[in-house]
Amino acid sequence: MEMPELGHKHHFGAEGGKTFIDGRSEKEKAAWEARHRGDKGYNDEHSGIFYSRKLLWGPFPDIKKSAKALEKELGVRIRVQL
């Protein structure tokens, strides 16, 4: 994922991992959030776990829709590269 205006790039997620955008359920999403809520960087926009939470386990099972929601939240343009 890239934020061109800020010159930021963030890499996150595990190769081969299954997430909400891969068809995991709302119940599995809630379990993931509960398991990671105390992780370092959970609310830090400069950490991978933040983007995993907001995009891979975000509000929508579609990464593009979750990216649009995050763009609004952060006030930046996001380019998702899969």
Protein backbone atom coordinates (compact mmCIF):
# COMPACT_ATOMS: atom_id res chain seq x y z
CA MET A 1 0.00 0.00 0.00
CA GLU A 2 1.27 3.45 -0.85
CA MET A 3 0.34 6.98 0.19
CA PRO A 4 1.86 9.07 -2.62
CA GLU A 5 1.34 12.49 -1.02
CA LEU A 6 3.25 11.43 2.09
CA GLY A 7 5.86 9.28 0.38
CA HIS A 8 4.83 6.35 2.61
CA LYS A 9 4.76 2.68 1.72
CA HIS A 10 3.58 0.00 4.10
CA HIS A 11 3.89 -3.76 3.75
CA PHE A 12 1.70 -5.93 5.94
CA GLY A 13 -0.07 -9.27 6.17
CA ALA A 14 1.38 -12.75 5.87
CA GLU A 15 1.76 -14.43 2.52
CA GLY A 16 -0.80 -17.19 2.31
CA GLY A 17 -2.74 -15.81 5.28
CA LYS A 18 -6.54 -15.78 5.07
CA THR A 19 -8.32 -12.60 6.14
CA PHE A 20 -11.72 -10.91 5.95
CA ILE A 21 -11.05 -9.94 2.32
CA ASP A 22 -10.38 -13.63 1.58
CA GLY A 23 -13.77 -14.71 2.88
CA ARG A 24 -13.24 -15.09 6.64
CA SER A 25 -16.40 -14.52 8.68
CA GLU A 26 -17.47 -11.65 10.94
CA LYS A 27 -16.95 -14.03 13.88
CA GLU A 28 -13.35 -14.71 12.77
CA LYS A 29 -12.84 -10.97 12.26
CA ALA A 30 -14.00 -10.28 15.83
CA ALA A 31 -11.66 -13.01 17.13
CA TRP A 32 -8.72 -11.52 15.18
CA GLU A 33 -9.45 -8.07 16.60
CA ALA A 34 -9.71 -9.41 20.16
CA ARG A 35 -6.45 -11.34 19.75
CA HIS A 36 -4.51 -8.35 18.40
CA ARG A 37 -6.10 -5.42 20.26
CA GLY A 38 -3.16 -5.25 22.69
CA ASP A 39 -0.44 -5.56 20.04
CA LYS A 40 2.17 -2.84 19.75
CA GLY A 41 1.19 -0.45 16.95
CA TYR A 42 -2.49 -1.49 16.85
CA ASN A 43 -3.54 2.18 16.61
CA ASP A 44 -0.32 3.53 15.05
CA GLU A 45 -0.71 4.47 11.40
CA HIS A 46 3.00 3.77 10.90
CA SER A 47 2.71 0.07 11.76
CA GLY A 48 1.77 -2.96 9.73
CA ILE A 49 -0.80 -4.20 12.26
CA PHE A 50 -2.75 -0.94 11.82
CA TYR A 51 -3.10 -1.57 8.08
CA SER A 52 -3.89 -5.23 8.57
CA ARG A 53 -6.72 -4.14 10.87
CA LYS A 54 -8.00 -1.34 8.65
CA LEU A 55 -7.65 -3.05 5.25
CA LEU A 56 -7.37 -6.85 5.53
CA TRP A 57 -9.80 -7.05 8.47
CA GLY A 58 -11.49 -3.72 7.74
CA PRO A 59 -15.14 -2.70 7.62
CA PHE A 60 -15.72 -4.31 4.21
CA PRO A 61 -14.76 -7.70 2.75
CA ASP A 62 -13.54 -5.73 -0.28
CA ILE A 63 -10.08 -4.18 0.14
CA LYS A 64 -10.88 -1.33 -2.26
CA LYS A 65 -13.92 -0.29 -0.22
CA SER A 66 -11.95 -0.52 3.03
CA ALA A 67 -9.16 1.55 1.42
CA LYS A 68 -11.68 4.25 0.46
CA ALA A 69 -12.96 4.33 4.05
CA LEU A 70 -9.39 4.62 5.35
CA GLU A 71 -8.64 7.41 2.88
CA LYS A 72 -11.50 9.40 4.41
CA GLU A 73 -10.36 8.60 7.96
CA LEU A 74 -6.73 9.63 7.37
CA GLY A 75 -7.34 12.37 4.79
CA VAL A 76 -4.92 10.85 2.27
CA ARG A 77 -5.02 9.05 -1.06
CA ILE A 78 -4.17 5.35 -0.85
CA ARG A 79 -2.90 3.18 -3.69
CA VAL A 80 -3.37 -0.53 -3.00
CA GLN A 81 -0.95 -2.84 -4.79
CA LEU A 82 -1.85 -6.52 -4.64
